[in-house]
Amino acid sequence: MKKGLIFAVILILIIGIPVLKKYRGTDKTKAVEVQQVSMKTIKASILASGQLKHEHQVKLTAEVIGKISRLYVKEGDTVKKGQLVLEIDDQTFVAAVEQQKAAVDQQKVSIERHKLVVMNVAKQLKRKRELYKQKLIGEDEYDTINHQYKVSEIDLKGGYELLKQIEARLEQSNEQLSKTKIESPIDGVITSLDIKEGETAISGTTNIVGSGLMTIADPNSMLAEVNVDEADIAQVSIGQKAEIIAIAFADHPIIGIVESIASSAKAAPGRGTLSFAVKLNIESSDAIKLLPGMSCRAEVFTQGEQNLLAIPIKAIKTDEDNDEDTVENYVFIFEAGVAKKVTVKTGISDDTFQHIIEGLEIGASVITGPDKIIRHLKDGDSVEIAEASSSDEDEDD
């Protein structure tokens, strides 16, 4: 009996102590970080991400079918405009040109024959006309020679038309032959080489692009193409400044200018929302070597600097009312050891601070963290200011 009682007490202690700790823990005051509402210098901006690209680049494609017989460049080579970069086997095209040249020569000979026929028939017609006037031949005989003359003229005219057609085919064959020698259309660098000697290049059609041969780009014409969310695109305009950060050079921000804005939206990569492609011209990047395809993010400044009542962006939380399809922003303020939920109306923001239009007054202590606590904080929770709180810091931009 005694042993059973001891066992029951031990069991109660094992189960009860953790439960007691759990319930006592829920009443524990939460240590939070706070920061006072103050005037901050805000430069309104929107954030976007994308890739670096060459502004001036061309992708060479095949315009005729044939094997690559000579390749004069490799990836990374610098080329000049008009420089020969590759050749396609031209034997078939040379043969076609020679065949059309022979056809032209043959048709010219045929035309000369027709000229002689016309001249001969013209002489006969002239003689027959005189005889007809003198009533020495009948009308039928005169009409016959007159008809022969008209037919010979038609044949000669047809010969000239056929010559034009053959010459057009010769010109086309020469053009096809010229397309076997591919030259660089710009000064630049070979950024990609998509074919090798011996491989067959396929020409394009109306609906199908020909074989990609290589890409040539001007290395001095780098830009950033970023995807701006459709909710932000109305704030973006040509000429606005931007700060661009290539992921590979996170400590070297680059200045850019909005150069162009897409006129239509497209599905944002990896998301269900729509975005607009915005091109940012890079003003200078001498300190770092930017490469096409590098990921980047950009902060586009949509307004000038303003001194406004503001709090850290991380302090703002959002309530979504699905019934009314509305979004309500709120913060928690520290007031006499209690977290008080306050609805706020927000204005412009930068990447750190959010302008508060309504809901807070200067000097109020806004709870800014830690995130693991503020995420589950409720109106009326007991709180205390953590020793390392940022309330005593005054971060002015």
Foldseek 3Di string as FASTA:
>chain_A
DVVVVVVVVVVCCVPVPVVVVVVVVQQDAAAFFWAFWDWFKFQFWDKWKFWKDFPDKDWDAAAAKAFWADAQDDAFDWAAAFAWGTFGDQPVLVVQLVVLVVVLVVLVVVLVVLVVQLVVLVVVLVVVVVCVVVVNDDPVVNVVSVVSNVVSVVVNVVSVVVSVVSVVSSVVSVVSSVSRTDGHRHGFGFNFADDDGGDIWARADPPGHTHGGTMGGHQVRMKTKTWAFPVCPVLDDFFFKKWKAFPVRNVDIFIWTFHDKAPDWDQDPPDRGITIITITGTPDDVPDRDDTPTMMMMITRSGGIDTAGKDWPLQKDWDADPVVRDIWIWGWFQDPQFTAIWTFDWDGHGNTITHTPDTDDGGTITGRDDPVDRVPDDGGRGHDHDPPHCHPPDDHD
